[in-house]
Protein backbone atom coordinates (compact mmCIF):
# COMPACT_ATOMS: atom_id res chain seq x y z
CA MET A 1 0.00 0.00 0.00
CA ILE A 2 1.23 3.46 -0.88
CA ALA A 3 0.86 5.67 2.21
CA ARG A 4 3.41 8.43 1.53
CA VAL A 5 4.01 10.02 -1.88
CA LEU A 6 6.67 12.57 -2.81
CA VAL A 7 5.90 14.76 -5.84
CA ALA A 8 8.67 16.88 -7.34
CA MET A 9 7.49 20.21 -8.76
CA ASP A 10 9.49 22.80 -10.66
CA GLY A 11 6.79 25.07 -12.07
CA SER A 12 6.45 23.13 -15.33
CA GLU A 13 3.22 21.84 -16.81
CA MET A 14 4.54 18.27 -16.55
CA ALA A 15 5.15 18.75 -12.81
CA GLU A 16 1.56 19.94 -12.40
CA HIS A 17 0.40 16.78 -14.18
CA ALA A 18 2.53 14.77 -11.75
CA LEU A 19 0.75 16.31 -8.77
CA GLU A 20 -2.66 15.81 -10.38
CA PHE A 21 -1.75 12.16 -10.99
CA ALA A 22 -0.83 11.74 -7.33
CA LEU A 23 -4.00 13.43 -6.12
CA GLU A 24 -6.20 11.32 -8.42
CA ASN A 25 -4.53 7.97 -7.85
CA TYR A 26 -3.51 8.17 -4.19
CA PRO A 27 -6.31 10.15 -2.51
CA ASP A 28 -5.71 8.51 0.88
CA ALA A 29 -1.94 8.94 0.86
CA GLU A 30 0.05 11.66 2.56
CA ILE A 31 1.33 13.74 -0.36
CA ALA A 32 4.35 15.99 -0.06
CA VAL A 33 5.42 18.41 -2.78
CA LEU A 34 9.14 19.05 -3.05
CA THR A 35 10.52 22.00 -4.98
CA VAL A 36 14.24 22.49 -5.30
CA VAL A 37 15.91 25.84 -5.71
CA GLY A 38 19.27 25.37 -7.41
CA VAL A 39 22.52 26.21 -5.75
CA PRO A 40 24.94 28.62 -7.42
CA THR A 41 27.23 26.98 -9.97
CA TRP A 42 29.92 28.11 -12.36
CA PHE A 43 27.25 29.17 -14.84
CA MET A 44 25.08 30.64 -12.06
CA GLY A 45 21.70 30.92 -13.80
CA GLU A 46 18.73 31.68 -11.55
CA ALA A 47 20.69 30.82 -8.43
CA ALA A 48 22.97 33.86 -8.70
CA GLY A 49 20.69 35.88 -6.40
CA LEU A 50 21.07 33.31 -3.63
CA VAL A 51 24.76 34.12 -3.32
CA LEU A 52 23.93 37.70 -2.42
CA ALA A 53 21.09 36.89 -0.02
CA ASP A 54 21.63 37.38 3.71
CA ASP A 55 19.67 34.18 4.38
CA PRO A 56 19.88 31.72 1.44
CA SER A 57 17.17 29.48 2.96
CA LYS A 58 14.66 32.35 3.10
CA ALA A 59 15.64 33.40 -0.42
CA ALA A 60 15.03 29.82 -1.60
CA GLU A 61 11.60 29.76 0.06
CA SER A 62 10.75 33.05 -1.63
CA ARG A 63 11.75 31.64 -5.03
CA ALA A 64 9.68 28.51 -4.39
CA GLU A 65 6.58 30.43 -3.33
CA THR A 66 4.96 30.51 -6.80
CA VAL A 67 5.44 26.77 -7.33
CA LEU A 68 4.09 25.89 -3.89
CA GLN A 69 1.13 28.25 -4.24
CA ARG A 70 0.18 26.47 -7.46
CA ALA A 71 0.57 23.11 -5.71
CA HIS A 72 -1.86 24.20 -2.99
CA GLU A 73 -4.32 25.45 -5.63
CA LEU A 74 -4.25 22.07 -7.37
CA ALA A 75 -4.69 20.23 -4.07
CA ALA A 76 -7.69 22.44 -3.26
CA GLU A 77 -9.31 21.39 -6.54
CA TYR A 78 -9.17 17.81 -5.24
CA ASP A 79 -10.22 18.86 -1.74
CA ALA A 80 -6.90 17.52 -0.49
CA GLU A 81 -4.17 18.72 1.80
CA ILE A 82 -0.51 18.51 0.94
CA ASN A 83 2.76 19.08 2.75
CA THR A 84 5.42 21.19 1.09
CA ILE A 85 9.20 21.01 1.20
CA VAL A 86 11.69 23.55 -0.12
CA ALA A 87 15.21 22.29 -0.69
CA LEU A 88 18.33 24.12 -1.75
CA GLY A 89 20.58 22.08 -4.01
CA THR A 90 20.67 19.96 -7.13
CA PRO A 91 17.16 18.76 -8.07
CA SER A 92 17.96 15.09 -8.68
CA ARG A 93 20.12 14.82 -5.55
CA GLU A 94 17.48 16.46 -3.35
CA ILE A 95 14.68 14.31 -4.75
CA LEU A 96 16.72 11.15 -4.13
CA THR A 97 17.63 12.25 -0.61
CA HIS A 98 14.00 12.89 0.29
CA ALA A 99 12.74 9.75 -1.52
CA GLU A 100 14.05 7.53 1.26
CA SER A 101 11.20 8.72 3.51
CA TYR A 102 8.41 7.92 1.03
CA ASP A 103 6.78 4.88 -0.59
CA MET A 104 6.79 6.41 -4.07
CA VAL A 105 8.15 9.37 -6.02
CA ILE A 106 6.21 11.02 -8.84
CA VAL A 107 7.94 13.37 -11.28
CA GLY A 108 7.10 15.10 -14.53
CA GLY A 109 8.64 13.74 -17.72
CA HIS A 110 10.70 16.85 -18.30
CA GLY A 111 11.41 20.19 -16.69
CA ARG A 112 10.35 23.68 -17.44
CA ASP A 113 12.90 24.69 -20.08
CA LEU A 114 15.25 23.19 -22.63
CA GLY A 115 18.31 24.97 -21.23
CA SER A 116 17.87 23.37 -17.82
CA ARG A 117 17.46 19.94 -19.37
CA LEU A 118 20.61 20.30 -21.48
CA LEU A 119 22.79 21.71 -18.70
CA LEU A 120 21.52 19.66 -15.79
CA GLY A 121 20.55 16.47 -17.56
CA ASN A 122 17.22 14.73 -17.36
CA VAL A 123 16.21 14.76 -13.69
CA ALA A 124 13.41 12.23 -14.21
CA ALA A 125 15.78 9.71 -15.82
CA LEU A 126 18.38 10.07 -13.09
CA VAL A 127 15.81 9.79 -10.30
CA THR A 128 14.27 6.73 -11.96
CA ARG A 129 17.63 4.97 -12.17
CA ARG A 130 18.78 5.72 -8.62
CA SER A 131 15.66 5.95 -6.47
CA PRO A 132 15.36 3.65 -3.47
CA VAL A 133 11.57 3.55 -4.01
CA PRO A 134 9.35 3.17 -7.10
CA VAL A 135 9.16 6.20 -9.39
CA THR A 136 6.29 7.17 -11.67
CA VAL A 137 7.11 9.55 -14.51
CA VAL A 138 4.09 11.50 -15.74
CA ARG A 139 3.96 13.06 -19.20
């Protein structure tokens, strides 16, 4: 029986479908939505502002606010409650770290933009290969 489900959301349409899939198929499960704010890297990208923030954790939560607000809106459409988690790091690594506490992970088939997929690799594929629990990829 699936009692605890982790859904990774990044603001993409595929991630929204992943949460809808979880809400439809596991209505009695505890559902947690994880969004990961990237850490600064040599090419910086969106994470550049985190370097300058006085409190990187609060800056990450602020960046994640839009994604988590949408997650709560979707849950409300299903009259469901969800837990939310904001992580700071590499998406695939954070998903895998959190997966250990759940019965299943659900991810979207691809992320929000082509640049992220090319630079960071396919998060869904990496999570599927390395997850300690079953993974469902939603398209």
